[in-house]
Amino acid sequence: MSTEQQSALPRVACLVDADGTIAFDLPPGSAEGRQLLLRWRPKKGQPEKTLHVLDLEPADDGHHHAVLGAQPVLTEGRWDVYLLQEPGSQRQRLRPGPRDTRALVDGHLRDRHSPLAVRVPYVTKDGYLAVRAWLRPAHAEVGHINLTDRSMTVGARLHGSSLQEGAVVRLRLRGGSGTERTVEPQAAPDGRSFSFTVGFEELGTGAGEGTGVWDAFVRPAAQAPAIRLARLLDDVADRKEVFVYPKATAGDAVLRPYYTVDNELSVEVTRTAAS
């Protein structure tokens, strides 16, 4: 689609409440359709599976409104937003208008229950409106990350779970080798907030001679399922290119903590000889 064609598409504003409810608003003259369609974006080559349709209701001021309530929760992934002229008709993409996500900014300060459901409206790389959703049985929200030239200290808080006897933080080397490093978390009195420190030299040598990525998990109790450390509870849909941390050097290894495309915490290891 050309830039001129894209600019002619309707714009939709949205307002997000703390519980995840999203109110969509189309201005007068742009809401000739009767429904909004949210389409869960499948992986490349896979068929379309999940759709969610919302009825558009006219308001006295000429606007049209649709509300995506907190229930049912959305499948984790990215949801593209379309306008339907009538049920079953051809879909029309929508451009983003104002997005009021202020209720999400301090989301990390509120206790969440299981399952954790998060929604963040955002603008796609090609300029359309979409919604990013996460749905997890429990969650470990990353707070501060403090770096020195030798180590990384991470503060986090559990939602939908709490630290019990046998709790450990695991850094797992990606790639199926089974290589792990474990660290004992320092728990706060509430049993939910915790911190841990890991040395860069340990991660550098543990990755072997080549490059690698360590993914961070917390196991809240002995035999409990591991919970991925991530930062989800605010209004940032894609954190990888926004939160950029400095690199550290340990021997011939260069290490960099970063957030993945799913906003999960990992540590990348590269070698100076290969740079």
C-alpha atoms as a PDB file:
ATOM      1  CA  MET A   1       0.000   0.000   0.000  1.00  0.00           C
ATOM      2  CA  SER A   2       1.319   3.464  -0.926  1.00  0.00           C
ATOM      3  CA  THR A   3       1.843   6.196   1.633  1.00  0.00           C
ATOM      4  CA  GLU A   4      -1.038   8.148   0.101  1.00  0.00           C
ATOM      5  CA  GLN A   5      -3.391   5.162   0.359  1.00  0.00           C
ATOM      6  CA  GLN A   6      -2.293   4.497   3.915  1.00  0.00           C
ATOM      7  CA  SER A   7      -2.905   8.114   4.951  1.00  0.00           C
ATOM      8  CA  ALA A   8      -6.524   7.790   3.772  1.00  0.00           C
ATOM      9  CA  LEU A   9      -7.246   4.932   6.176  1.00  0.00           C
ATOM     10  CA  PRO A  10      -9.337   5.672   9.270  1.00  0.00           C
ATOM     11  CA  ARG A  11      -7.591   6.451  12.539  1.00  0.00           C
ATOM     12  CA  VAL A  12      -8.734   4.881  15.781  1.00  0.00           C
ATOM     13  CA  ALA A  13      -7.990   6.213  19.258  1.00  0.00           C
ATOM     14  CA  CYS A  14      -7.839   3.922  22.261  1.00  0.00           C
ATOM     15  CA  LEU A  15      -7.977   4.257  26.029  1.00  0.00           C
ATOM     16  CA  VAL A  16      -6.596   1.491  28.249  1.00  0.00           C
ATOM     17  CA  ASP A  17      -7.748   0.861  31.811  1.00  0.00           C
ATOM     18  CA  ALA A  18      -5.601  -0.704  34.511  1.00  0.00           C
ATOM     19  CA  ASP A  19      -7.515  -4.000  34.252  1.00  0.00           C
ATOM     20  CA  GLY A  20      -6.680  -4.317  30.545  1.00  0.00           C
ATOM     21  CA  THR A  21      -9.984  -3.058  29.122  1.00  0.00           C
ATOM     22  CA  ILE A  22      -9.427  -1.161  25.856  1.00  0.00           C
ATOM     23  CA  ALA A  23     -11.975   1.377  24.568  1.00  0.00           C
ATOM     24  CA  PHE A  24     -11.643   2.101  20.825  1.00  0.00           C
ATOM     25  CA  ASP A  25     -12.951   5.374  19.384  1.00  0.00           C
ATOM     26  CA  LEU A  26     -13.414   6.192  15.695  1.00  0.00           C
ATOM     27  CA  PRO A  27     -14.216   9.820  14.811  1.00  0.00           C
ATOM     28  CA  PRO A  28     -17.215  10.941  12.717  1.00  0.00           C
ATOM     29  CA  GLY A  29     -16.992  10.053   9.064  1.00  0.00           C
ATOM     30  CA  SER A  30     -14.461   7.263   9.538  1.00  0.00           C
ATOM     31  CA  ALA A  31     -16.572   4.530  11.100  1.00  0.00           C
ATOM     32  CA  GLU A  32     -18.728   3.393   8.226  1.00  0.00           C
ATOM     33  CA  GLY A  33     -18.116  -0.157   9.354  1.00  0.00           C
ATOM     34  CA  ARG A  34     -20.110  -2.032  11.935  1.00  0.00           C
ATOM     35  CA  GLN A  35     -17.404  -4.035  13.635  1.00  0.00           C
ATOM     36  CA  LEU A  36     -13.786  -4.072  14.689  1.00  0.00           C
ATOM     37  CA  LEU A  37     -11.848  -7.263  14.108  1.00  0.00           C
ATOM     38  CA  LEU A  38      -8.821  -8.230  16.207  1.00  0.00           C
ATOM     39  CA  ARG A  39      -6.765 -10.872  14.433  1.00  0.00           C
ATOM     40  CA  TRP A  40      -4.151 -12.890  16.289  1.00  0.00           C
ATOM     41  CA  ARG A  41      -1.096 -12.782  14.047  1.00  0.00           C
ATOM     42  CA  PRO A  42       0.090 -16.331  13.259  1.00  0.00           C
ATOM     43  CA  LYS A  43       3.712 -17.252  12.744  1.00  0.00           C
ATOM     44  CA  LYS A  44       4.967 -17.144   9.180  1.00  0.00           C
ATOM     45  CA  GLY A  45       3.545 -19.977   7.108  1.00  0.00           C
ATOM     46  CA  GLN A  46       0.920 -20.952   9.669  1.00  0.00           C
ATOM     47  CA  PRO A  47      -2.838 -20.576   9.098  1.00  0.00           C
ATOM     48  CA  GLU A  48      -4.967 -17.927  10.743  1.00  0.00           C
ATOM     49  CA  LYS A  49      -6.537 -19.380  13.886  1.00  0.00           C
ATOM     50  CA  THR A  50      -7.929 -16.793  16.289  1.00  0.00           C
ATOM     51  CA  LEU A  51     -10.234 -13.822  15.664  1.00  0.00           C
ATOM     52  CA  HIS A  52     -12.077 -11.558  18.082  1.00  0.00           C
ATOM     53  CA  VAL A  53     -14.926  -9.366  16.782  1.00  0.00           C
ATOM     54  CA  LEU A  54     -16.252  -6.228  18.543  1.00  0.00           C
ATOM     55  CA  ASP A  55     -19.450  -4.394  17.644  1.00  0.00           C
ATOM     56  CA  LEU A  56     -19.143  -0.660  16.955  1.00  0.00           C
ATOM     57  CA  GLU A  57     -21.795   1.443  18.699  1.00  0.00           C
ATOM     58  CA  PRO A  58     -22.677   5.025  17.604  1.00  0.00           C
ATOM     59  CA  ALA A  59     -22.470   7.847  20.130  1.00  0.00           C
ATOM     60  CA  ASP A  60     -24.373  11.154  20.211  1.00  0.00           C
ATOM     61  CA  ASP A  61     -21.312  13.084  19.051  1.00  0.00           C
ATOM     62  CA  GLY A  62     -21.018  11.063  15.852  1.00  0.00           C
ATOM     63  CA  HIS A  63     -18.155   8.919  17.074  1.00  0.00           C
ATOM     64  CA  HIS A  64     -18.311   5.130  17.105  1.00  0.00           C
ATOM     65  CA  HIS A  65     -17.074   3.104  20.057  1.00  0.00           C
ATOM     66  CA  ALA A  66     -16.100  -0.499  20.700  1.00  0.00           C
ATOM     67  CA  VAL A  67     -14.873  -1.988  23.976  1.00  0.00           C
ATOM     68  CA  LEU A  68     -12.575  -4.947  24.467  1.00  0.00           C
ATOM     69  CA  GLY A  69     -13.291  -6.009  28.039  1.00  0.00           C
ATOM     70  CA  ALA A  70     -10.787  -7.534  30.433  1.00  0.00           C
ATOM     71  CA  GLN A  71     -12.442 -10.903  29.807  1.00  0.00           C
ATOM     72  CA  PRO A  72     -11.928 -13.014  27.837  1.00  0.00           C
ATOM     73  CA  VAL A  73      -8.154 -12.763  27.974  1.00  0.00           C
ATOM     74  CA  LEU A  74      -6.272 -12.591  24.686  1.00  0.00           C
ATOM     75  CA  THR A  75      -3.924 -15.309  23.513  1.00  0.00           C
ATOM     76  CA  GLU A  76      -0.301 -14.227  23.925  1.00  0.00           C
ATOM     77  CA  GLY A  77       1.053 -12.590  20.789  1.00  0.00           C
ATOM     78  CA  ARG A  78       0.288  -9.675  18.467  1.00  0.00           C
ATOM     79  CA  TRP A  79      -3.239  -8.740  17.426  1.00  0.00           C
ATOM     80  CA  ASP A  80      -3.839  -6.631  14.299  1.00  0.00           C
ATOM     81  CA  VAL A  81      -6.892  -4.344  14.305  1.00  0.00           C
ATOM     82  CA  TYR A  82      -9.239  -4.098  11.297  1.00  0.00           C
ATOM     83  CA  LEU A  83     -12.504  -2.391  10.387  1.00  0.00           C
ATOM     84  CA  LEU A  84     -15.342  -4.493   8.906  1.00  0.00           C
ATOM     85  CA  GLN A  85     -18.025  -2.786   6.829  1.00  0.00           C
ATOM     86  CA  GLU A  86     -20.331  -5.682   7.668  1.00  0.00           C
ATOM     87  CA  PRO A  87     -19.880  -9.177   9.126  1.00  0.00           C
ATOM     88  CA  GLY A  88     -17.737 -11.269   6.812  1.00  0.00           C
ATOM     89  CA  SER A  89     -16.762  -8.366   4.553  1.00  0.00           C
ATOM     90  CA  GLN A  90     -13.268  -7.428   3.426  1.00  0.00           C
ATOM     91  CA  ARG A  91     -11.026  -6.193   6.208  1.00  0.00           C
ATOM     92  CA  GLN A  92      -9.593  -2.687   6.333  1.00  0.00           C
ATOM     93  CA  ARG A  93      -6.512  -1.900   8.370  1.00  0.00           C
ATOM     94  CA  LEU A  94      -6.645   1.031  10.781  1.00  0.00           C
ATOM     95  CA  ARG A  95      -4.106   3.697  11.543  1.00  0.00           C
ATOM     96  CA  PRO A  96      -3.450   4.669  15.163  1.00  0.00           C
ATOM     97  CA  GLY A  97      -4.914   7.800  16.653  1.00  0.00           C
ATOM     98  CA  PRO A  98      -4.144   8.990  20.206  1.00  0.00           C
ATOM     99  CA  ARG A  99      -3.320   6.092  22.543  1.00  0.00           C
ATOM    100  CA  ASP A 100      -3.974   6.832  26.211  1.00  0.00           C
ATOM    101  CA  THR A 101      -1.948   4.225  28.096  1.00  0.00           C
ATOM    102  CA  ARG A 102      -1.311   6.216  31.282  1.00  0.00           C
ATOM    103  CA  ALA A 103      -3.062   3.574  33.406  1.00  0.00           C
ATOM    104  CA  LEU A 104      -0.348   1.084  32.402  1.00  0.00           C
ATOM    105  CA  VAL A 105       2.701   3.161  33.313  1.00  0.00           C
ATOM    106  CA  ASP A 106       2.791   2.138  36.991  1.00  0.00           C
ATOM    107  CA  GLY A 107       1.488  -1.370  36.389  1.00  0.00           C
ATOM    108  CA  HIS A 108       4.543  -2.889  38.067  1.00  0.00           C
ATOM    109  CA  LEU A 109       3.404  -1.364  41.372  1.00  0.00           C
ATOM    110  CA  ARG A 110       0.146  -3.343  41.469  1.00  0.00           C
ATOM    111  CA  ASP A 111      -0.018  -6.954  42.570  1.00  0.00           C
ATOM    112  CA  ARG A 112      -1.304  -9.283  39.861  1.00  0.00           C
ATOM    113  CA  HIS A 113      -2.937 -12.672  40.212  1.00  0.00           C
ATOM    114  CA  SER A 114      -2.686 -15.818  38.132  1.00  0.00           C
ATOM    115  CA  PRO A 115      -3.043 -15.937  35.220  1.00  0.00           C
ATOM    116  CA  LEU A 116      -1.257 -12.714  34.345  1.00  0.00           C
ATOM    117  CA  ALA A 117      -2.895 -11.014  31.341  1.00  0.00           C
ATOM    118  CA  VAL A 118      -1.329  -7.893  29.800  1.00  0.00           C
ATOM    119  CA  ARG A 119      -2.404  -5.804  26.780  1.00  0.00           C
ATOM    120  CA  VAL A 120      -0.557  -2.859  25.224  1.00  0.00           C
ATOM    121  CA  PRO A 121      -1.797  -1.029  22.086  1.00  0.00           C
ATOM    122  CA  TYR A 122       1.081  -0.032  19.804  1.00  0.00           C
ATOM    123  CA  VAL A 123       2.006   1.071  16.300  1.00  0.00           C
ATOM    124  CA  THR A 124       3.438  -1.559  13.955  1.00  0.00           C
ATOM    125  CA  LYS A 125       6.581  -0.908  11.937  1.00  0.00           C
ATOM    126  CA  ASP A 126       4.428  -0.241   8.876  1.00  0.00           C
ATOM    127  CA  GLY A 127       2.227   2.276  10.699  1.00  0.00           C
ATOM    128  CA  TYR A 128      -0.912   0.373  11.690  1.00  0.00           C
ATOM    129  CA  LEU A 129      -2.643  -0.152  15.031  1.00  0.00           C
ATOM    130  CA  ALA A 130      -2.104  -3.447  16.854  1.00  0.00           C
ATOM    131  CA  VAL A 131      -2.317  -4.837  20.389  1.00  0.00           C
ATOM    132  CA  ARG A 132       0.484  -6.732  22.107  1.00  0.00           C
ATOM    133  CA  ALA A 133      -0.741  -9.354  24.584  1.00  0.00           C
ATOM    134  CA  TRP A 134       0.942 -11.564  27.170  1.00  0.00           C
ATOM    135  CA  LEU A 135      -0.765 -14.414  29.031  1.00  0.00           C
ATOM    136  CA  ARG A 136       1.217 -16.354  31.639  1.00  0.00           C
ATOM    137  CA  PRO A 137       0.410 -18.554  34.654  1.00  0.00           C
ATOM    138  CA  ALA A 138       2.863 -16.515  36.757  1.00  0.00           C
ATOM    139  CA  HIS A 139       5.332 -13.750  36.089  1.00  0.00           C
ATOM    140  CA  ALA A 140       8.602 -12.299  37.425  1.00  0.00           C
ATOM    141  CA  GLU A 141       8.679  -8.560  36.639  1.00  0.00           C
ATOM    142  CA  VAL A 142      12.169  -7.108  36.260  1.00  0.00           C
ATOM    143  CA  GLY A 143      12.694  -3.802  38.029  1.00  0.00           C
ATOM    144  CA  HIS A 144      16.202  -2.376  38.326  1.00  0.00           C
ATOM    145  CA  ILE A 145      19.280  -3.719  36.553  1.00  0.00           C
ATOM    146  CA  ASN A 146      22.521  -2.440  38.085  1.00  0.00           C
ATOM    147  CA  LEU A 147      25.742  -3.075  36.187  1.00  0.00           C
ATOM    148  CA  THR A 148      29.387  -2.926  37.203  1.00  0.00           C
ATOM    149  CA  ASP A 149      32.389  -3.955  35.123  1.00  0.00           C
ATOM    150  CA  ARG A 150      32.257  -7.379  36.801  1.00  0.00           C
ATOM    151  CA  SER A 151      28.639  -8.247  37.543  1.00  0.00           C
ATOM    152  CA  MET A 152      24.956  -7.640  37.041  1.00  0.00           C
ATOM    153  CA  THR A 153      22.425  -7.222  39.864  1.00  0.00           C
ATOM    154  CA  VAL A 154      18.763  -7.593  38.987  1.00  0.00           C
ATOM    155  CA  GLY A 155      15.757  -6.727  41.130  1.00  0.00           C
ATOM    156  CA  ALA A 156      12.417  -8.367  40.358  1.00  0.00           C
ATOM    157  CA  ARG A 157       8.986  -9.118  41.811  1.00  0.00           C
ATOM    158  CA  LEU A 158       6.816 -12.198  41.472  1.00  0.00           C
ATOM    159  CA  HIS A 159       3.158 -12.008  40.456  1.00  0.00           C
ATOM    160  CA  GLY A 160       0.961 -15.060  40.834  1.00  0.00           C
ATOM    161  CA  SER A 161       3.603 -16.835  42.901  1.00  0.00           C
ATOM    162  CA  SER A 162       5.958 -16.325  45.861  1.00  0.00           C
ATOM    163  CA  LEU A 163       9.407 -17.509  46.906  1.00  0.00           C
ATOM    164  CA  GLN A 164       9.512 -20.674  49.002  1.00  0.00           C
ATOM    165  CA  GLU A 165      12.224 -22.988  50.281  1.00  0.00           C
ATOM    166  CA  GLY A 166      14.458 -24.161  47.467  1.00  0.00           C
ATOM    167  CA  ALA A 167      13.957 -21.077  45.288  1.00  0.00           C
ATOM    168  CA  VAL A 168      16.728 -20.416  42.763  1.00  0.00           C
ATOM    169  CA  VAL A 169      17.450 -18.126  39.834  1.00  0.00           C
ATOM    170  CA  ARG A 170      18.543 -20.023  36.743  1.00  0.00           C
ATOM    171  CA  LEU A 171      20.465 -18.672  33.779  1.00  0.00           C
ATOM    172  CA  ARG A 172      20.065 -21.172  30.970  1.00  0.00           C
ATOM    173  CA  LEU A 173      22.342 -21.206  27.937  1.00  0.00           C
ATOM    174  CA  ARG A 174      20.175 -21.140  24.847  1.00  0.00           C
ATOM    175  CA  GLY A 175      20.565 -23.907  22.295  1.00  0.00           C
ATOM    176  CA  GLY A 176      19.591 -27.086  24.092  1.00  0.00           C
ATOM    177  CA  SER A 177      22.973 -27.890  25.624  1.00  0.00           C
ATOM    178  CA  GLY A 178      21.474 -28.059  29.113  1.00  0.00           C
ATOM    179  CA  THR A 179      24.112 -25.685  30.475  1.00  0.00           C
ATOM    180  CA  GLU A 180      22.835 -23.666  33.446  1.00  0.00           C
ATOM    181  CA  ARG A 181      24.133 -21.373  36.144  1.00  0.00           C
ATOM    182  CA  THR A 182      22.138 -21.069  39.380  1.00  0.00           C
ATOM    183  CA  VAL A 183      22.096 -18.186  41.849  1.00  0.00           C
ATOM    184  CA  GLU A 184      20.334 -17.975  45.199  1.00  0.00           C
ATOM    185  CA  PRO A 185      17.859 -15.078  45.192  1.00  0.00           C
ATOM    186  CA  GLN A 186      17.886 -12.564  48.026  1.00  0.00           C
ATOM    187  CA  ALA A 187      14.240 -12.422  49.068  1.00  0.00           C
ATOM    188  CA  ALA A 188      12.430  -9.446  50.605  1.00  0.00           C
ATOM    189  CA  PRO A 189      10.239 -10.032  53.705  1.00  0.00           C
ATOM    190  CA  ASP A 190       7.084 -10.167  51.546  1.00  0.00           C
ATOM    191  CA  GLY A 191       8.393 -13.274  49.764  1.00  0.00           C
ATOM    192  CA  ARG A 192       7.684 -11.797  46.358  1.00  0.00           C
ATOM    193  CA  SER A 193      10.338  -9.162  45.720  1.00  0.00           C
ATOM    194  CA  PHE A 194      13.876 -10.455  45.273  1.00  0.00           C
ATOM    195  CA  SER A 195      17.256  -9.680  43.752  1.00  0.00           C
ATOM    196  CA  PHE A 196      20.238 -11.648  42.523  1.00  0.00           C
ATOM    197  CA  THR A 197      23.780 -10.962  41.339  1.00  0.00           C
ATOM    198  CA  VAL A 198      25.676 -12.895  38.675  1.00  0.00           C
ATOM    199  CA  GLY A 199      29.306 -12.427  37.622  1.00  0.00           C
ATOM    200  CA  PHE A 200      30.142 -11.715  34.005  1.00  0.00           C
ATOM    201  CA  GLU A 201      33.264 -13.892  34.101  1.00  0.00           C
ATOM    202  CA  GLU A 202      31.154 -16.897  35.100  1.00  0.00           C
ATOM    203  CA  LEU A 203      28.754 -16.335  32.200  1.00  0.00           C
ATOM    204  CA  GLY A 204      31.596 -15.676  29.761  1.00  0.00           C
ATOM    205  CA  THR A 205      33.458 -18.888  30.517  1.00  0.00           C
ATOM    206  CA  GLY A 206      30.226 -20.876  30.830  1.00  0.00           C
ATOM    207  CA  ALA A 207      29.311 -20.068  27.240  1.00  0.00           C
ATOM    208  CA  GLY A 208      32.319 -22.026  25.999  1.00  0.00           C
ATOM    209  CA  GLU A 209      34.579 -20.820  23.219  1.00  0.00           C
ATOM    210  CA  GLY A 210      31.884 -19.327  21.034  1.00  0.00           C
ATOM    211  CA  THR A 211      28.993 -16.928  21.349  1.00  0.00           C
ATOM    212  CA  GLY A 212      25.812 -17.593  23.269  1.00  0.00           C
ATOM    213  CA  VAL A 213      22.743 -16.229  25.018  1.00  0.00           C
ATOM    214  CA  TRP A 214      21.749 -16.843  28.643  1.00  0.00           C
ATOM    215  CA  ASP A 215      18.005 -16.694  29.375  1.00  0.00           C
ATOM    216  CA  ALA A 216      16.985 -15.774  32.950  1.00  0.00           C
ATOM    217  CA  PHE A 217      14.377 -17.702  34.982  1.00  0.00           C
ATOM    218  CA  VAL A 218      13.349 -17.966  38.616  1.00  0.00           C
ATOM    219  CA  ARG A 219      12.146 -21.218  40.151  1.00  0.00           C
ATOM    220  CA  PRO A 220      10.107 -20.007  43.141  1.00  0.00           C
ATOM    221  CA  ALA A 221      10.199 -23.315  45.045  1.00  0.00           C
ATOM    222  CA  ALA A 222      11.772 -26.748  44.819  1.00  0.00           C
ATOM    223  CA  GLN A 223      10.147 -28.682  41.933  1.00  0.00           C
ATOM    224  CA  ALA A 224       8.098 -25.615  40.903  1.00  0.00           C
ATOM    225  CA  PRO A 225       7.947 -24.624  37.207  1.00  0.00           C
ATOM    226  CA  ALA A 226      10.512 -22.025  36.168  1.00  0.00           C
ATOM    227  CA  ILE A 227       9.192 -18.512  35.500  1.00  0.00           C
ATOM    228  CA  ARG A 228      10.818 -16.364  32.826  1.00  0.00           C
ATOM    229  CA  LEU A 229      12.124 -12.995  33.993  1.00  0.00           C
ATOM    230  CA  ALA A 230      10.647 -10.236  31.859  1.00  0.00           C
ATOM    231  CA  ARG A 231       9.410  -6.658  31.941  1.00  0.00           C
ATOM    232  CA  LEU A 232       5.780  -6.522  30.849  1.00  0.00           C
ATOM    233  CA  LEU A 233       3.888  -4.338  33.319  1.00  0.00           C
ATOM    234  CA  ASP A 234       3.990  -0.890  31.727  1.00  0.00           C
ATOM    235  CA  ASP A 235       3.094   0.733  28.412  1.00  0.00           C
ATOM    236  CA  VAL A 236       6.116  -0.351  26.345  1.00  0.00           C
ATOM    237  CA  ALA A 237       5.119  -2.979  23.787  1.00  0.00           C
ATOM    238  CA  ASP A 238       8.595  -3.533  22.329  1.00  0.00           C
ATOM    239  CA  ARG A 239      11.453  -2.946  24.725  1.00  0.00           C
ATOM    240  CA  LYS A 240      14.425  -4.431  22.877  1.00  0.00           C
ATOM    241  CA  GLU A 241      15.504  -1.286  21.032  1.00  0.00           C
ATOM    242  CA  VAL A 242      14.364   1.107  23.777  1.00  0.00           C
ATOM    243  CA  PHE A 243      16.106  -0.221  26.897  1.00  0.00           C
ATOM    244  CA  VAL A 244      19.733  -0.652  25.813  1.00  0.00           C
ATOM    245  CA  TYR A 245      22.349  -1.565  28.414  1.00  0.00           C
ATOM    246  CA  PRO A 246      26.129  -1.107  28.182  1.00  0.00           C
ATOM    247  CA  LYS A 247      28.486  -3.967  27.429  1.00  0.00           C
ATOM    248  CA  ALA A 248      30.988  -5.445  29.873  1.00  0.00           C
ATOM    249  CA  THR A 249      34.210  -7.329  29.110  1.00  0.00           C
ATOM    250  CA  ALA A 250      35.406 -10.442  30.941  1.00  0.00           C
ATOM    251  CA  GLY A 251      38.563 -11.898  29.371  1.00  0.00           C
ATOM    252  CA  ASP A 252      37.834 -12.334  25.664  1.00  0.00           C
ATOM    253  CA  ALA A 253      34.075 -12.284  26.246  1.00  0.00           C
ATOM    254  CA  VAL A 254      31.832  -9.253  25.748  1.00  0.00           C
ATOM    255  CA  LEU A 255      28.551  -9.478  27.650  1.00  0.00           C
ATOM    256  CA  ARG A 256      25.397  -7.418  27.266  1.00  0.00           C
ATOM    257  CA  PRO A 257      22.094  -7.775  29.119  1.00  0.00           C
ATOM    258  CA  TYR A 258      19.119  -7.086  26.874  1.00  0.00           C
ATOM    259  CA  TYR A 259      15.382  -7.615  26.451  1.00  0.00           C
ATOM    260  CA  THR A 260      14.285 -10.062  23.768  1.00  0.00           C
ATOM    261  CA  VAL A 261      11.501  -9.494  21.229  1.00  0.00           C
ATOM    262  CA  ASP A 262       9.132 -10.831  23.910  1.00  0.00           C
ATOM    263  CA  ASN A 263      10.483  -8.337  26.507  1.00  0.00           C
ATOM    264  CA  GLU A 264      12.247 -11.138  28.405  1.00  0.00           C
ATOM    265  CA  LEU A 265      15.619 -10.687  30.109  1.00  0.00           C
ATOM    266  CA  SER A 266      18.680 -12.361  28.578  1.00  0.00           C
ATOM    267  CA  VAL A 267      22.459 -11.867  28.480  1.00  0.00           C
ATOM    268  CA  GLU A 268      24.316 -12.032  25.182  1.00  0.00           C
ATOM    269  CA  VAL A 269      27.918 -13.288  25.034  1.00  0.00           C
ATOM    270  CA  THR A 270      30.204 -12.522  22.081  1.00  0.00           C
ATOM    271  CA  ARG A 271      33.964 -12.842  21.655  1.00  0.00           C
ATOM    272  CA  THR A 272      36.334  -9.942  21.077  1.00  0.00           C
ATOM    273  CA  ALA A 273      38.245 -11.955  18.466  1.00  0.00           C
ATOM    274  CA  ALA A 274      35.073 -12.226  16.374  1.00  0.00           C
ATOM    275  CA  SER A 275      34.105  -8.549  16.640  1.00  0.00           C
END
